[in-house]
């Protein structure tokens, strides 16, 4: 997917962002790739999570809906960043930086996989299987 091309727009941005004449183009390519990746991820997640289609059936559906809602907050920010390129390219990078910080902060991050299951313990719970190995 689009993840494979991430080094190219990153290098392009690093090389040309300081140039006033090339700043717009470099930021537009960077924002375009990130917007594509964000939208592709949400489409993939929506397909996998709808009716627990491709998710482990032992996961708590209520918790998975919360995860889905959390994921849905990001695509509008990617689109906003893409539109902002035309007005203020540095603002686009600021949005991406804030998104990165949002993912890095432990208090705002998603719960660990073991917290998403219906019940704690039991022989079929992933944490119990992991401990027995």
N, C-alpha and C. Protein backbone atom coordinates (compact mmCIF):
# COMPACT_ATOMS: atom_id res chain seq x y z
N UNK A 1 0.83 -1.18 0.00
CA UNK A 1 0.00 0.00 0.00
C UNK A 1 0.88 1.25 0.00
N UNK A 2 0.28 2.33 0.46
CA UNK A 2 0.97 3.61 0.44
C UNK A 2 2.14 3.72 1.39
N UNK A 3 2.23 2.79 2.33
CA UNK A 3 3.31 2.84 3.32
C UNK A 3 4.66 2.66 2.63
N UNK A 4 4.67 1.92 1.55
CA UNK A 4 5.93 1.65 0.84
C UNK A 4 6.56 2.91 0.26
N UNK A 5 5.76 3.91 -0.05
CA UNK A 5 6.30 5.11 -0.68
C UNK A 5 6.57 6.24 0.32
N UNK A 6 6.34 6.00 1.60
CA UNK A 6 6.55 7.05 2.61
C UNK A 6 7.97 7.65 2.61
N UNK A 7 9.01 6.87 2.38
CA UNK A 7 10.34 7.50 2.37
C UNK A 7 10.50 8.56 1.28
N UNK A 8 9.84 8.39 0.14
CA UNK A 8 9.99 9.36 -0.94
C UNK A 8 9.43 10.74 -0.57
N UNK A 9 8.16 10.87 -0.14
CA UNK A 9 7.69 12.22 0.21
C UNK A 9 8.40 12.81 1.42
N UNK A 10 8.88 11.94 2.31
CA UNK A 10 9.62 12.44 3.47
C UNK A 10 10.94 13.05 3.03
N UNK A 11 11.64 12.37 2.13
CA UNK A 11 12.90 12.91 1.61
C UNK A 11 12.66 14.16 0.79
N UNK A 12 11.59 14.15 0.02
CA UNK A 12 11.23 15.32 -0.79
C UNK A 12 10.96 16.53 0.10
N UNK A 13 10.23 16.31 1.16
CA UNK A 13 9.92 17.39 2.10
C UNK A 13 11.19 17.89 2.79
N UNK A 14 12.03 16.97 3.21
CA UNK A 14 13.27 17.37 3.89
C UNK A 14 14.18 18.19 2.97
N UNK A 15 14.19 17.85 1.70
CA UNK A 15 15.08 18.54 0.78
C UNK A 15 14.52 19.88 0.31
N UNK A 16 13.22 19.98 0.11
CA UNK A 16 12.66 21.17 -0.53
C UNK A 16 11.80 22.06 0.35
N UNK A 17 11.56 21.72 1.59
CA UNK A 17 10.69 22.54 2.41
C UNK A 17 11.29 23.92 2.71
N UNK A 18 12.59 24.00 2.79
CA UNK A 18 13.22 25.29 3.09
C UNK A 18 13.23 26.22 1.88
N UNK A 19 12.93 25.70 0.70
CA UNK A 19 12.89 26.53 -0.51
C UNK A 19 11.49 27.09 -0.70
N UNK A 20 11.33 28.41 -0.68
CA UNK A 20 9.99 29.00 -0.82
C UNK A 20 9.28 28.61 -2.11
N UNK A 21 10.03 28.38 -3.18
CA UNK A 21 9.40 28.05 -4.45
C UNK A 21 8.95 26.59 -4.52
N UNK A 22 9.61 25.71 -3.78
CA UNK A 22 9.28 24.28 -3.83
C UNK A 22 8.55 23.77 -2.59
N UNK A 23 8.37 24.63 -1.61
CA UNK A 23 7.75 24.24 -0.35
C UNK A 23 6.33 23.70 -0.55
N UNK A 24 5.56 24.38 -1.38
CA UNK A 24 4.17 23.96 -1.61
C UNK A 24 4.10 22.57 -2.22
N UNK A 25 4.87 22.34 -3.27
CA UNK A 25 4.82 21.05 -3.96
C UNK A 25 5.28 19.91 -3.06
N UNK A 26 6.36 20.13 -2.32
CA UNK A 26 6.87 19.08 -1.43
C UNK A 26 5.86 18.76 -0.34
N UNK A 27 5.25 19.79 0.24
CA UNK A 27 4.27 19.56 1.30
C UNK A 27 3.00 18.92 0.75
N UNK A 28 2.61 19.28 -0.46
CA UNK A 28 1.42 18.69 -1.07
C UNK A 28 1.61 17.19 -1.33
N UNK A 29 2.76 16.81 -1.82
CA UNK A 29 3.03 15.38 -2.04
C UNK A 29 3.03 14.64 -0.70
N UNK A 30 3.68 15.20 0.28
CA UNK A 30 3.74 14.60 1.62
C UNK A 30 2.33 14.44 2.20
N UNK A 31 1.55 15.50 2.15
CA UNK A 31 0.19 15.45 2.70
C UNK A 31 -0.69 14.50 1.89
N UNK A 32 -0.51 14.46 0.59
CA UNK A 32 -1.30 13.56 -0.24
C UNK A 32 -1.07 12.10 0.10
N UNK A 33 0.18 11.73 0.31
CA UNK A 33 0.49 10.34 0.66
C UNK A 33 -0.05 10.00 2.04
N UNK A 34 0.09 10.91 3.00
CA UNK A 34 -0.43 10.63 4.34
C UNK A 34 -1.96 10.57 4.35
N UNK A 35 -2.60 11.42 3.57
CA UNK A 35 -4.06 11.38 3.49
C UNK A 35 -4.51 10.07 2.86
N UNK A 36 -3.84 9.66 1.81
CA UNK A 36 -4.17 8.38 1.18
C UNK A 36 -4.02 7.24 2.19
N UNK A 37 -2.91 7.21 2.90
CA UNK A 37 -2.69 6.14 3.88
C UNK A 37 -3.74 6.15 4.98
N UNK A 38 -4.09 7.33 5.47
CA UNK A 38 -5.09 7.42 6.52
C UNK A 38 -6.46 6.95 6.06
N UNK A 39 -6.85 7.34 4.85
CA UNK A 39 -8.15 6.92 4.33
C UNK A 39 -8.16 5.43 3.98
N UNK A 40 -7.06 4.93 3.43
CA UNK A 40 -6.98 3.50 3.13
C UNK A 40 -7.06 2.68 4.41
N UNK A 41 -6.41 3.14 5.47
CA UNK A 41 -6.47 2.41 6.74
C UNK A 41 -7.88 2.36 7.29
N UNK A 42 -8.58 3.50 7.27
CA UNK A 42 -9.93 3.51 7.84
C UNK A 42 -10.88 2.65 7.02
N UNK A 43 -10.70 2.62 5.71
CA UNK A 43 -11.52 1.72 4.88
C UNK A 43 -11.24 0.26 5.20
N UNK A 44 -9.98 -0.08 5.33
CA UNK A 44 -9.59 -1.45 5.67
C UNK A 44 -10.12 -1.83 7.06
N UNK A 45 -9.97 -0.94 8.04
CA UNK A 45 -10.46 -1.21 9.39
C UNK A 45 -11.98 -1.34 9.40
N UNK A 46 -12.67 -0.47 8.68
CA UNK A 46 -14.13 -0.52 8.65
C UNK A 46 -14.61 -1.85 8.09
N UNK A 47 -13.96 -2.33 7.06
CA UNK A 47 -14.33 -3.63 6.50
C UNK A 47 -14.08 -4.75 7.50
N UNK A 48 -12.92 -4.73 8.12
CA UNK A 48 -12.56 -5.80 9.05
C UNK A 48 -13.42 -5.78 10.30
N UNK A 49 -13.78 -4.61 10.79
CA UNK A 49 -14.48 -4.50 12.06
C UNK A 49 -16.00 -4.57 11.93
N UNK A 50 -16.54 -4.38 10.72
CA UNK A 50 -18.00 -4.41 10.60
C UNK A 50 -18.51 -5.81 10.90
N UNK A 51 -19.40 -5.88 11.88
CA UNK A 51 -19.94 -7.16 12.35
C UNK A 51 -18.85 -8.13 12.80
N UNK A 52 -17.72 -7.58 13.27
CA UNK A 52 -16.60 -8.39 13.73
C UNK A 52 -16.16 -9.38 12.63
N UNK A 53 -16.26 -8.93 11.38
CA UNK A 53 -16.03 -9.79 10.22
C UNK A 53 -14.66 -10.47 10.25
N UNK A 54 -13.62 -9.71 10.47
CA UNK A 54 -12.27 -10.28 10.42
C UNK A 54 -11.55 -10.18 11.77
N UNK A 55 -12.30 -9.89 12.83
CA UNK A 55 -11.69 -9.76 14.15
C UNK A 55 -11.96 -11.01 14.96
N UNK A 56 -11.14 -11.22 15.94
CA UNK A 56 -11.30 -12.35 16.85
C UNK A 56 -12.66 -12.25 17.54
N UNK A 57 -13.41 -13.32 17.49
CA UNK A 57 -14.77 -13.32 18.06
C UNK A 57 -14.75 -13.19 19.58
N UNK A 58 -13.61 -13.40 20.21
CA UNK A 58 -13.52 -13.26 21.66
C UNK A 58 -13.36 -11.81 22.11
N UNK A 59 -13.18 -10.90 21.16
CA UNK A 59 -13.05 -9.48 21.49
C UNK A 59 -14.39 -8.92 21.91
N UNK A 60 -14.35 -7.96 22.81
CA UNK A 60 -15.57 -7.31 23.29
C UNK A 60 -16.07 -6.33 22.22
N UNK A 61 -17.26 -6.55 21.67
CA UNK A 61 -17.78 -5.67 20.62
C UNK A 61 -17.90 -4.21 21.05
N UNK A 62 -18.26 -3.96 22.30
CA UNK A 62 -18.37 -2.58 22.79
C UNK A 62 -17.01 -1.88 22.77
N UNK A 63 -15.98 -2.60 23.18
CA UNK A 63 -14.63 -2.01 23.17
C UNK A 63 -14.15 -1.81 21.74
N UNK A 64 -14.52 -2.71 20.86
CA UNK A 64 -14.11 -2.57 19.46
C UNK A 64 -14.81 -1.38 18.80
N UNK A 65 -16.05 -1.09 19.21
CA UNK A 65 -16.73 0.10 18.69
C UNK A 65 -16.00 1.36 19.14
N UNK A 66 -15.51 1.36 20.39
CA UNK A 66 -14.74 2.52 20.88
C UNK A 66 -13.45 2.69 20.07
N UNK A 67 -12.81 1.59 19.75
CA UNK A 67 -11.60 1.65 18.94
C UNK A 67 -11.94 2.21 17.56
N UNK A 68 -13.06 1.77 16.99
CA UNK A 68 -13.47 2.26 15.67
C UNK A 68 -13.77 3.75 15.70
N UNK A 69 -14.42 4.21 16.75
CA UNK A 69 -14.71 5.65 16.87
C UNK A 69 -13.41 6.43 16.97
N UNK A 70 -12.47 5.91 17.72
CA UNK A 70 -11.17 6.57 17.85
C UNK A 70 -10.47 6.66 16.50
N UNK A 71 -10.54 5.58 15.73
CA UNK A 71 -9.93 5.59 14.41
C UNK A 71 -10.62 6.58 13.48
N UNK A 72 -11.92 6.78 13.64
CA UNK A 72 -12.65 7.69 12.76
C UNK A 72 -12.32 9.16 13.00
N UNK A 73 -11.66 9.48 14.10
CA UNK A 73 -11.30 10.88 14.35
C UNK A 73 -10.13 11.33 13.48
N UNK A 74 -9.34 10.40 12.98
CA UNK A 74 -8.12 10.77 12.27
C UNK A 74 -8.31 11.18 10.81
N UNK A 75 -9.14 10.50 10.00
CA UNK A 75 -9.26 10.90 8.58
C UNK A 75 -9.64 12.37 8.37
N UNK A 76 -10.57 12.94 9.15
CA UNK A 76 -10.84 14.36 8.94
C UNK A 76 -9.61 15.24 9.18
N UNK A 77 -8.77 14.85 10.12
CA UNK A 77 -7.56 15.63 10.37
C UNK A 77 -6.58 15.52 9.20
N UNK A 78 -6.49 14.33 8.60
CA UNK A 78 -5.63 14.18 7.42
C UNK A 78 -6.14 15.03 6.26
N UNK A 79 -7.46 15.03 6.05
CA UNK A 79 -8.04 15.84 4.97
C UNK A 79 -7.85 17.32 5.26
N UNK A 80 -8.05 17.73 6.51
CA UNK A 80 -7.82 19.12 6.90
C UNK A 80 -6.38 19.52 6.62
N UNK A 81 -5.45 18.64 6.96
CA UNK A 81 -4.04 18.94 6.71
C UNK A 81 -3.77 19.08 5.21
N UNK A 82 -4.41 18.25 4.40
CA UNK A 82 -4.22 18.34 2.95
C UNK A 82 -4.76 19.66 2.41
N UNK A 83 -5.90 20.09 2.89
CA UNK A 83 -6.48 21.36 2.45
C UNK A 83 -5.64 22.54 2.94
N UNK A 84 -5.10 22.40 4.13
CA UNK A 84 -4.30 23.47 4.73
C UNK A 84 -3.01 23.73 3.95
N UNK A 85 -2.56 22.76 3.17
CA UNK A 85 -1.35 22.96 2.36
C UNK A 85 -1.51 24.18 1.46
N UNK A 86 -2.70 24.40 0.95
CA UNK A 86 -2.94 25.49 0.01
C UNK A 86 -2.92 26.85 0.69
N UNK A 87 -3.08 26.87 2.01
CA UNK A 87 -3.12 28.13 2.76
C UNK A 87 -1.82 28.36 3.54
N UNK A 88 -1.43 27.32 4.28
CA UNK A 88 -0.29 27.46 5.19
C UNK A 88 0.42 26.11 5.32
N UNK A 89 1.42 25.83 4.48
CA UNK A 89 2.08 24.52 4.48
C UNK A 89 2.66 24.11 5.84
N UNK A 90 3.17 25.07 6.58
CA UNK A 90 3.72 24.73 7.89
C UNK A 90 2.63 24.22 8.84
N UNK A 91 1.42 24.73 8.69
CA UNK A 91 0.30 24.26 9.49
C UNK A 91 -0.01 22.79 9.24
N UNK A 92 0.19 22.36 7.99
CA UNK A 92 0.01 20.96 7.64
C UNK A 92 0.96 20.09 8.45
N UNK A 93 2.21 20.49 8.49
CA UNK A 93 3.20 19.72 9.24
C UNK A 93 2.90 19.74 10.73
N UNK A 94 2.36 20.83 11.22
CA UNK A 94 1.98 20.92 12.63
C UNK A 94 0.88 19.91 12.95
N UNK A 95 -0.10 19.78 12.06
CA UNK A 95 -1.16 18.79 12.28
C UNK A 95 -0.58 17.38 12.32
N UNK A 96 0.33 17.07 11.39
CA UNK A 96 0.95 15.75 11.40
C UNK A 96 1.78 15.52 12.65
N UNK A 97 2.46 16.55 13.12
CA UNK A 97 3.22 16.44 14.36
C UNK A 97 2.28 16.16 15.54
N UNK A 98 1.16 16.87 15.60
CA UNK A 98 0.20 16.65 16.70
C UNK A 98 -0.42 15.26 16.63
N UNK A 99 -0.68 14.78 15.42
CA UNK A 99 -1.18 13.40 15.29
C UNK A 99 -0.15 12.40 15.79
N UNK A 100 1.11 12.64 15.46
CA UNK A 100 2.17 11.76 15.93
C UNK A 100 2.25 11.77 17.46
N UNK A 101 2.14 12.95 18.06
CA UNK A 101 2.19 13.04 19.52
C UNK A 101 0.98 12.34 20.14
N UNK A 102 -0.17 12.45 19.50
CA UNK A 102 -1.38 11.80 19.99
C UNK A 102 -1.19 10.29 20.06
N UNK A 103 -0.53 9.72 19.05
CA UNK A 103 -0.28 8.28 19.05
C UNK A 103 0.80 7.89 20.05
N UNK A 104 1.71 8.79 20.34
CA UNK A 104 2.82 8.46 21.21
C UNK A 104 2.49 8.59 22.70
N UNK A 105 1.54 9.44 23.04
CA UNK A 105 1.21 9.65 24.44
C UNK A 105 0.52 8.42 25.02
N UNK A 106 1.06 7.85 26.07
CA UNK A 106 0.47 6.63 26.63
C UNK A 106 -0.94 6.84 27.18
N UNK A 107 -1.25 8.01 27.70
CA UNK A 107 -2.57 8.23 28.27
C UNK A 107 -3.66 8.26 27.21
N UNK A 108 -3.31 8.63 25.99
CA UNK A 108 -4.30 8.73 24.92
C UNK A 108 -4.24 7.54 23.97
N UNK A 109 -3.30 6.64 24.18
CA UNK A 109 -3.16 5.53 23.26
C UNK A 109 -4.25 4.49 23.48
N UNK A 110 -4.37 3.63 22.53
CA UNK A 110 -5.37 2.57 22.61
C UNK A 110 -4.97 1.56 23.69
N UNK A 111 -5.96 0.87 24.24
CA UNK A 111 -5.63 -0.18 25.22
C UNK A 111 -4.86 -1.31 24.55
N UNK A 112 -4.14 -2.04 25.34
CA UNK A 112 -3.40 -3.18 24.81
C UNK A 112 -4.35 -4.27 24.36
N UNK A 113 -3.87 -5.16 23.52
CA UNK A 113 -4.73 -6.22 22.99
C UNK A 113 -5.39 -7.06 24.08
N UNK A 114 -4.70 -7.30 25.18
CA UNK A 114 -5.28 -8.13 26.24
C UNK A 114 -6.45 -7.45 26.93
N UNK A 115 -6.57 -6.13 26.82
CA UNK A 115 -7.67 -5.40 27.45
C UNK A 115 -8.94 -5.37 26.60
N UNK A 116 -8.88 -5.86 25.38
CA UNK A 116 -10.01 -5.78 24.48
C UNK A 116 -10.89 -7.04 24.49
N UNK A 117 -10.49 -8.05 25.24
CA UNK A 117 -11.24 -9.31 25.26
C UNK A 117 -12.39 -9.25 26.23
N UNK A 118 -13.40 -10.08 26.00
CA UNK A 118 -14.62 -10.11 26.80
C UNK A 118 -14.36 -10.44 28.26
N UNK A 119 -13.54 -11.43 28.51
CA UNK A 119 -13.32 -11.85 29.89
C UNK A 119 -11.83 -12.06 30.14
N UNK A 120 -11.44 -11.81 31.34
CA UNK A 120 -10.05 -12.04 31.73
C UNK A 120 -9.89 -13.49 32.14
N UNK A 121 -8.74 -14.04 31.85
CA UNK A 121 -8.45 -15.41 32.27
C UNK A 121 -9.10 -16.43 31.36
N UNK A 122 -9.11 -17.66 31.81
CA UNK A 122 -9.64 -18.74 31.00
C UNK A 122 -8.56 -19.32 30.12
N UNK A 123 -8.76 -20.56 29.69
CA UNK A 123 -7.74 -21.24 28.91
C UNK A 123 -7.58 -20.68 27.50
N UNK A 124 -8.66 -20.11 26.95
CA UNK A 124 -8.58 -19.64 25.58
C UNK A 124 -8.22 -18.16 25.47
N UNK A 125 -8.07 -17.47 26.59
CA UNK A 125 -7.68 -16.06 26.57
C UNK A 125 -6.22 -15.96 26.15
N UNK A 126 -5.88 -15.03 25.25
CA UNK A 126 -4.50 -14.91 24.77
C UNK A 126 -3.46 -14.76 25.87
N UNK A 127 -3.78 -14.04 26.94
CA UNK A 127 -2.81 -13.85 28.02
C UNK A 127 -2.53 -15.18 28.71
N UNK A 128 -3.57 -16.01 28.89
CA UNK A 128 -3.39 -17.32 29.53
C UNK A 128 -2.57 -18.25 28.65
N UNK A 129 -2.79 -18.21 27.34
CA UNK A 129 -2.04 -19.04 26.42
C UNK A 129 -0.59 -18.61 26.42
N UNK A 130 -0.34 -17.31 26.44
CA UNK A 130 1.01 -16.78 26.42
C UNK A 130 1.80 -17.18 27.66
N UNK A 131 1.15 -17.15 28.82
CA UNK A 131 1.82 -17.49 30.08
C UNK A 131 2.14 -18.98 30.16
N UNK A 132 1.31 -19.82 29.51
CA UNK A 132 1.52 -21.25 29.62
C UNK A 132 2.64 -21.75 28.72
N UNK A 133 3.06 -20.93 27.76
CA UNK A 133 4.10 -21.36 26.81
C UNK A 133 5.47 -21.28 27.39
